[in-house]
C-alpha atoms as a PDB file:
ATOM      1  CA  MET A   1       2.080  29.268   0.694  1.00  0.00           C
ATOM      2  CA  SER A   2      -2.213  29.601   1.296  1.00  0.00           C
ATOM      3  CA  GLU A   3      -2.643  30.104  -2.466  1.00  0.00           C
ATOM      4  CA  ASN A   4       0.289  27.175  -3.133  1.00  0.00           C
ATOM      5  CA  THR A   5      -2.374  25.372  -0.606  1.00  0.00           C
ATOM      6  CA  ASN A   6      -5.841  25.661  -1.934  1.00  0.00           C
ATOM      7  CA  LYS A   7      -4.247  25.567  -5.665  1.00  0.00           C
ATOM      8  CA  ILE A   8      -3.401  21.702  -4.459  1.00  0.00           C
ATOM      9  CA  GLU A   9      -6.920  21.626  -2.618  1.00  0.00           C
ATOM     10  CA  GLU A  10      -8.578  22.943  -6.093  1.00  0.00           C
ATOM     11  CA  ASN A  11      -6.991  20.719  -8.263  1.00  0.00           C
ATOM     12  CA  LYS A  12      -6.918  17.005  -5.997  1.00  0.00           C
ATOM     13  CA  ALA A  13      -8.644  14.608  -7.533  1.00  0.00           C
ATOM     14  CA  LEU A  14     -12.023  13.562  -5.146  1.00  0.00           C
ATOM     15  CA  PHE A  15     -12.254  10.364  -3.865  1.00  0.00           C
ATOM     16  CA  PHE A  16     -15.186   9.332  -5.592  1.00  0.00           C
ATOM     17  CA  GLN A  17     -13.292   9.766  -8.846  1.00  0.00           C
ATOM     18  CA  ARG A  18     -10.350   7.589  -7.857  1.00  0.00           C
ATOM     19  CA  LEU A  19     -13.143   5.140  -6.197  1.00  0.00           C
ATOM     20  CA  ILE A  20     -15.212   4.665  -9.950  1.00  0.00           C
ATOM     21  CA  ALA A  21     -11.481   4.798 -11.978  1.00  0.00           C
ATOM     22  CA  PHE A  22     -10.724   2.033 -10.379  1.00  0.00           C
ATOM     23  CA  ILE A  23     -14.009  -0.204 -10.365  1.00  0.00           C
ATOM     24  CA  ILE A  24     -13.715   0.545 -14.186  1.00  0.00           C
ATOM     25  CA  ASP A  25     -10.089  -0.331 -14.381  1.00  0.00           C
ATOM     26  CA  VAL A  26     -10.131  -3.379 -12.249  1.00  0.00           C
ATOM     27  CA  SER A  27     -13.311  -4.588 -14.127  1.00  0.00           C
ATOM     28  CA  ILE A  28     -11.344  -4.230 -17.591  1.00  0.00           C
ATOM     29  CA  ILE A  29      -8.740  -6.317 -16.127  1.00  0.00           C
ATOM     30  CA  TYR A  30     -11.082  -9.489 -15.161  1.00  0.00           C
ATOM     31  CA  LEU A  31     -13.346  -9.347 -17.841  1.00  0.00           C
ATOM     32  CA  ILE A  32     -10.171  -9.776 -19.897  1.00  0.00           C
ATOM     33  CA  ALA A  33      -8.317 -11.705 -17.661  1.00  0.00           C
ATOM     34  CA  SER A  34     -11.541 -14.232 -17.243  1.00  0.00           C
ATOM     35  CA  MET A  35     -11.845 -14.213 -21.099  1.00  0.00           C
ATOM     36  CA  ILE A  36      -8.159 -15.483 -21.870  1.00  0.00           C
ATOM     37  CA  SER A  37      -8.231 -18.069 -18.954  1.00  0.00           C
ATOM     38  CA  THR A  38     -11.882 -19.604 -18.964  1.00  0.00           C
ATOM     39  CA  PRO A  39     -10.414 -22.390 -22.017  1.00  0.00           C
ATOM     40  CA  PHE A  40      -7.375 -23.461 -19.499  1.00  0.00           C
ATOM     41  CA  ILE A  41      -9.680 -23.550 -16.524  1.00  0.00           C
ATOM     42  CA  ASP A  42     -11.357 -26.507 -14.856  1.00  0.00           C
ATOM     43  CA  ILE A  43     -14.754 -24.700 -14.334  1.00  0.00           C
ATOM     44  CA  ASP A  44     -16.629 -27.979 -13.002  1.00  0.00           C
ATOM     45  CA  LYS A  45     -13.930 -27.882 -10.545  1.00  0.00           C
ATOM     46  CA  SER A  46     -14.172 -24.081  -9.392  1.00  0.00           C
ATOM     47  CA  ASN A  47     -17.586 -24.482  -8.573  1.00  0.00           C
ATOM     48  CA  LYS A  48     -17.915 -27.632  -6.808  1.00  0.00           C
ATOM     49  CA  LEU A  49     -15.006 -26.110  -4.634  1.00  0.00           C
ATOM     50  CA  THR A  50     -17.039 -22.970  -4.363  1.00  0.00           C
ATOM     51  CA  GLU A  51     -19.920 -25.126  -3.377  1.00  0.00           C
ATOM     52  CA  GLU A  52     -18.106 -27.388  -1.033  1.00  0.00           C
ATOM     53  CA  SER A  53     -16.379 -23.910   0.894  1.00  0.00           C
ATOM     54  CA  THR A  54     -20.396 -22.562   1.258  1.00  0.00           C
ATOM     55  CA  GLU A  55     -21.783 -25.657   2.257  1.00  0.00           C
ATOM     56  CA  ILE A  56     -18.735 -26.021   4.779  1.00  0.00           C
ATOM     57  CA  MET A  57     -19.406 -22.333   6.268  1.00  0.00           C
ATOM     58  CA  GLN A  58     -23.241 -23.002   6.884  1.00  0.00           C
ATOM     59  CA  LYS A  59     -22.109 -26.237   9.012  1.00  0.00           C
ATOM     60  CA  TYR A  60     -19.919 -24.070  10.802  1.00  0.00           C
ATOM     61  CA  MET A  61     -22.884 -21.870  11.528  1.00  0.00           C
ATOM     62  CA  ASN A  62     -25.153 -24.364  12.557  1.00  0.00           C
ATOM     63  CA  HIS A  63     -22.529 -25.295  14.813  1.00  0.00           C
ATOM     64  CA  GLU A  64     -22.537 -29.084  12.946  1.00  0.00           C
ATOM     65  CA  ILE A  65     -18.756 -28.812  12.925  1.00  0.00           C
ATOM     66  CA  SER A  66     -15.725 -27.788  15.188  1.00  0.00           C
ATOM     67  CA  THR A  67     -14.019 -24.864  15.022  1.00  0.00           C
ATOM     68  CA  LYS A  68     -11.163 -26.841  13.742  1.00  0.00           C
ATOM     69  CA  ASP A  69     -12.486 -29.194  11.393  1.00  0.00           C
ATOM     70  CA  TYR A  70     -13.737 -26.074   9.581  1.00  0.00           C
ATOM     71  CA  SER A  71     -10.135 -24.537   9.660  1.00  0.00           C
ATOM     72  CA  ILE A  72      -9.138 -27.432   8.311  1.00  0.00           C
ATOM     73  CA  LYS A  73     -11.154 -27.918   5.605  1.00  0.00           C
ATOM     74  CA  PHE A  74     -11.394 -24.630   4.369  1.00  0.00           C
ATOM     75  CA  MET A  75      -7.927 -24.667   4.096  1.00  0.00           C
ATOM     76  CA  ASN A  76      -8.150 -27.524   2.039  1.00  0.00           C
ATOM     77  CA  ILE A  77     -10.392 -26.386   0.143  1.00  0.00           C
ATOM     78  CA  SER A  78      -8.562 -22.544  -0.313  1.00  0.00           C
ATOM     79  CA  TYR A  79      -5.325 -24.172  -1.467  1.00  0.00           C
ATOM     80  CA  SER A  80      -7.235 -26.440  -4.019  1.00  0.00           C
ATOM     81  CA  LEU A  81      -9.088 -23.449  -5.536  1.00  0.00           C
ATOM     82  CA  ALA A  82      -6.234 -21.452  -5.485  1.00  0.00           C
ATOM     83  CA  ARG A  83      -3.904 -24.171  -7.743  1.00  0.00           C
ATOM     84  CA  ASN A  84      -7.220 -24.662  -9.472  1.00  0.00           C
ATOM     85  CA  ASN A  85      -6.871 -21.281 -10.675  1.00  0.00           C
ATOM     86  CA  GLY A  86      -3.554 -20.695 -11.153  1.00  0.00           C
ATOM     87  CA  PHE A  87      -3.373 -19.955 -14.567  1.00  0.00           C
ATOM     88  CA  LEU A  88      -5.993 -17.088 -13.713  1.00  0.00           C
ATOM     89  CA  SER A  89      -3.683 -15.421 -10.926  1.00  0.00           C
ATOM     90  CA  ILE A  90      -0.851 -15.468 -13.617  1.00  0.00           C
ATOM     91  CA  VAL A  91      -2.711 -13.769 -16.670  1.00  0.00           C
ATOM     92  CA  THR A  92      -4.286 -11.182 -14.271  1.00  0.00           C
ATOM     93  CA  ILE A  93      -1.280 -10.188 -12.659  1.00  0.00           C
ATOM     94  CA  LEU A  94       0.646 -10.130 -16.211  1.00  0.00           C
ATOM     95  CA  LEU A  95      -2.392  -7.934 -17.353  1.00  0.00           C
ATOM     96  CA  GLU A  96      -2.116  -5.697 -14.393  1.00  0.00           C
ATOM     97  CA  ILE A  97       1.247  -5.111 -14.836  1.00  0.00           C
ATOM     98  CA  VAL A  98       1.054  -4.044 -19.023  1.00  0.00           C
ATOM     99  CA  TYR A  99      -2.091  -2.041 -18.158  1.00  0.00           C
ATOM    100  CA  PHE A 100      -1.356  -0.123 -14.772  1.00  0.00           C
ATOM    101  CA  ILE A 101       2.517   0.518 -15.529  1.00  0.00           C
ATOM    102  CA  VAL A 102       2.713   0.150 -19.235  1.00  0.00           C
ATOM    103  CA  PHE A 103      -0.294   1.298 -20.847  1.00  0.00           C
ATOM    104  CA  GLN A 104      -0.265   3.998 -18.269  1.00  0.00           C
ATOM    105  CA  ILE A 105       3.357   5.352 -18.888  1.00  0.00           C
ATOM    106  CA  TYR A 106       2.161   5.239 -22.444  1.00  0.00           C
ATOM    107  CA  LYS A 107      -1.057   7.400 -21.654  1.00  0.00           C
ATOM    108  CA  ASN A 108       0.859   9.854 -19.483  1.00  0.00           C
ATOM    109  CA  GLY A 109      -0.536   8.856 -16.251  1.00  0.00           C
ATOM    110  CA  GLN A 110      -4.334   7.659 -17.281  1.00  0.00           C
ATOM    111  CA  THR A 111      -5.683   4.351 -17.269  1.00  0.00           C
ATOM    112  CA  ILE A 112      -9.335   3.914 -19.068  1.00  0.00           C
ATOM    113  CA  GLY A 113     -10.957   4.568 -15.730  1.00  0.00           C
ATOM    114  CA  LYS A 114      -8.984   7.719 -15.064  1.00  0.00           C
ATOM    115  CA  LYS A 115      -9.733   9.233 -18.238  1.00  0.00           C
ATOM    116  CA  ILE A 116     -13.598   8.754 -17.897  1.00  0.00           C
ATOM    117  CA  MET A 117     -13.199  10.250 -14.824  1.00  0.00           C
ATOM    118  CA  ARG A 118     -11.049  13.219 -16.081  1.00  0.00           C
ATOM    119  CA  ILE A 119      -8.119  12.455 -13.897  1.00  0.00           C
ATOM    120  CA  ARG A 120      -4.729  11.455 -14.039  1.00  0.00           C
ATOM    121  CA  VAL A 121      -1.209  10.669 -12.192  1.00  0.00           C
ATOM    122  CA  VAL A 122       1.866  12.626 -12.155  1.00  0.00           C
ATOM    123  CA  ALA A 123       4.803  13.072 -10.569  1.00  0.00           C
ATOM    124  CA  ASP A 124       5.115  15.653  -7.639  1.00  0.00           C
ATOM    125  CA  ASN A 125       8.189  17.347  -9.610  1.00  0.00           C
ATOM    126  CA  GLY A 126       9.117  16.688 -12.685  1.00  0.00           C
ATOM    127  CA  ASP A 127       7.883  14.057 -15.399  1.00  0.00           C
ATOM    128  CA  LEU A 128       6.214  11.183 -13.833  1.00  0.00           C
ATOM    129  CA  SER A 129       8.746   7.947 -14.491  1.00  0.00           C
ATOM    130  CA  MET A 130       8.221   3.912 -15.149  1.00  0.00           C
ATOM    131  CA  ASN A 131       9.663   3.513 -11.804  1.00  0.00           C
ATOM    132  CA  GLN A 132       7.231   6.178  -9.932  1.00  0.00           C
ATOM    133  CA  LEU A 133       4.248   3.963 -11.818  1.00  0.00           C
ATOM    134  CA  ILE A 134       6.205   0.485 -10.544  1.00  0.00           C
ATOM    135  CA  ILE A 135       5.950   1.331  -7.076  1.00  0.00           C
ATOM    136  CA  ARG A 136       3.005   2.977  -7.238  1.00  0.00           C
ATOM    137  CA  SER A 137       1.100  -0.207  -8.626  1.00  0.00           C
ATOM    138  CA  LEU A 138       2.455  -2.623  -6.733  1.00  0.00           C
ATOM    139  CA  ILE A 139       0.475  -1.404  -3.854  1.00  0.00           C
ATOM    140  CA  ALA A 140      -2.307   0.318  -5.079  1.00  0.00           C
ATOM    141  CA  ASN A 141      -3.093  -2.465  -7.565  1.00  0.00           C
ATOM    142  CA  SER A 142      -2.287  -5.379  -4.833  1.00  0.00           C
ATOM    143  CA  ILE A 143       0.203  -6.519  -7.442  1.00  0.00           C
ATOM    144  CA  LEU A 144       2.776  -6.963  -5.272  1.00  0.00           C
ATOM    145  CA  LEU A 145       0.239  -9.039  -3.219  1.00  0.00           C
ATOM    146  CA  GLU A 146      -0.910 -11.179  -5.744  1.00  0.00           C
ATOM    147  CA  ILE A 147       2.587 -11.876  -6.761  1.00  0.00           C
ATOM    148  CA  ILE A 148       3.145 -13.009  -3.300  1.00  0.00           C
ATOM    149  CA  THR A 149       0.301 -14.942  -2.592  1.00  0.00           C
ATOM    150  CA  PHE A 150       1.116 -16.901  -6.530  1.00  0.00           C
ATOM    151  CA  ALA A 151       4.477 -18.045  -5.156  1.00  0.00           C
ATOM    152  CA  PHE A 152       3.611 -18.803  -1.903  1.00  0.00           C
ATOM    153  CA  MET A 153       0.664 -20.958  -3.187  1.00  0.00           C
ATOM    154  CA  VAL A 154       3.380 -22.587  -6.098  1.00  0.00           C
ATOM    155  CA  PHE A 155       6.829 -23.164  -3.644  1.00  0.00           C
ATOM    156  CA  THR A 156       4.814 -23.607   0.099  1.00  0.00           C
ATOM    157  CA  SER A 157       3.014 -26.290   1.855  1.00  0.00           C
ATOM    158  CA  LYS A 158      -1.282 -25.333   2.047  1.00  0.00           C
ATOM    159  CA  ASP A 159      -0.432 -24.447   5.691  1.00  0.00           C
ATOM    160  CA  ILE A 160       2.250 -22.007   4.929  1.00  0.00           C
ATOM    161  CA  TYR A 161       0.053 -20.804   2.093  1.00  0.00           C
ATOM    162  CA  PHE A 162      -2.934 -20.257   4.079  1.00  0.00           C
ATOM    163  CA  TYR A 163      -1.698 -18.691   7.101  1.00  0.00           C
ATOM    164  CA  SER A 164       1.039 -16.277   5.086  1.00  0.00           C
ATOM    165  CA  THR A 165      -1.944 -14.959   2.792  1.00  0.00           C
ATOM    166  CA  GLY A 166      -4.016 -14.320   5.373  1.00  0.00           C
ATOM    167  CA  ILE A 167      -1.597 -12.144   7.257  1.00  0.00           C
ATOM    168  CA  PHE A 168      -0.234 -10.719   3.817  1.00  0.00           C
ATOM    169  CA  GLY A 169      -4.005  -9.957   3.044  1.00  0.00           C
ATOM    170  CA  LEU A 170      -4.668  -8.303   6.376  1.00  0.00           C
ATOM    171  CA  ILE A 171      -1.473  -5.866   5.851  1.00  0.00           C
ATOM    172  CA  GLN A 172      -2.837  -4.833   2.350  1.00  0.00           C
ATOM    173  CA  TYR A 173      -6.255  -4.253   3.952  1.00  0.00           C
ATOM    174  CA  VAL A 174      -4.775  -2.389   6.481  1.00  0.00           C
ATOM    175  CA  ILE A 175      -2.833  -0.020   3.963  1.00  0.00           C
ATOM    176  CA  ILE A 176      -6.024   0.253   1.656  1.00  0.00           C
ATOM    177  CA  LEU A 177      -8.223   1.515   4.844  1.00  0.00           C
ATOM    178  CA  ILE A 178      -5.482   4.274   5.542  1.00  0.00           C
ATOM    179  CA  SER A 179      -4.853   5.414   2.102  1.00  0.00           C
ATOM    180  CA  ILE A 180      -9.014   5.286   2.338  1.00  0.00           C
ATOM    181  CA  PHE A 181      -8.654   8.016   4.856  1.00  0.00           C
ATOM    182  CA  MET A 182      -5.603   9.721   3.222  1.00  0.00           C
ATOM    183  CA  VAL A 183      -7.380  10.408  -0.037  1.00  0.00           C
ATOM    184  CA  MET A 184     -10.403  11.807   1.609  1.00  0.00           C
ATOM    185  CA  PHE A 185      -9.084  13.953   4.582  1.00  0.00           C
ATOM    186  CA  ARG A 186      -5.838  15.194   3.634  1.00  0.00           C
ATOM    187  CA  LYS A 187      -5.187  18.381   1.435  1.00  0.00           C
ATOM    188  CA  ASP A 188      -3.045  17.087  -1.386  1.00  0.00           C
ATOM    189  CA  GLY A 189      -5.294  13.753  -1.422  1.00  0.00           C
ATOM    190  CA  CYS A 190      -1.892  11.587  -1.223  1.00  0.00           C
ATOM    191  CA  SER A 191      -2.198   8.024   0.002  1.00  0.00           C
ATOM    192  CA  ILE A 192       0.202   5.659   1.333  1.00  0.00           C
ATOM    193  CA  HIS A 193       1.161   4.765  -2.486  1.00  0.00           C
ATOM    194  CA  ASP A 194       1.110   8.082  -3.613  1.00  0.00           C
ATOM    195  CA  LYS A 195       3.715   9.171  -0.824  1.00  0.00           C
ATOM    196  CA  ILE A 196       5.737   6.299  -1.278  1.00  0.00           C
ATOM    197  CA  ALA A 197       6.218   7.038  -5.247  1.00  0.00           C
ATOM    198  CA  HIS A 198       6.084  10.729  -5.064  1.00  0.00           C
ATOM    199  CA  THR A 199       3.367  10.721  -7.028  1.00  0.00           C
ATOM    200  CA  LYS A 200      -0.337  12.614  -6.805  1.00  0.00           C
ATOM    201  CA  VAL A 201      -3.773  12.378  -8.518  1.00  0.00           C
ATOM    202  CA  ILE A 202      -5.581  15.109 -10.334  1.00  0.00           C
ATOM    203  CA  ARG A 203      -8.113  16.529 -11.889  1.00  0.00           C
ATOM    204  CA  ILE A 204      -7.700  17.596 -15.523  1.00  0.00           C
END
């Protein structure tokens, strides 16, 4: 039993390896998504909305507008920005599915980031399956949250979109926080998505 435990601890990927691999992978996704989406997005409108958001925040911090006015204006800007960047959201979600699920299964549990950091996703028992990577990526890479957010943006009012994305975003934040502590302090280094998908990340 103690031999198995020691072996698991020796082989588990370290937190910093997983973190750097994640940063590399996310950077690749967003770079490609931005390159594809830029011609189809109103950049001037995005910049204007971002500037308005900053101005409203400054006014609120300087007590020039009430909390109620700030909330309404911020909600309107967030909704407009989300709709303006809708094409970017679609491209990002599709790239994440291709990269984190399809590409990773064909590369035997590795993305470019994981390959650089010499780590790999493996199944608890047997070969890594597509279903395991789907479940894992929906949680670990926030794909499920992004799909839900996009659906609320397209099919609901701005009020429902604003509050629902805030709630789901908070849930995702809590899951990420718990997962970080699990990776750092569990002997097997498994996070929430690893436990649900029956996977683990090892050094190679």
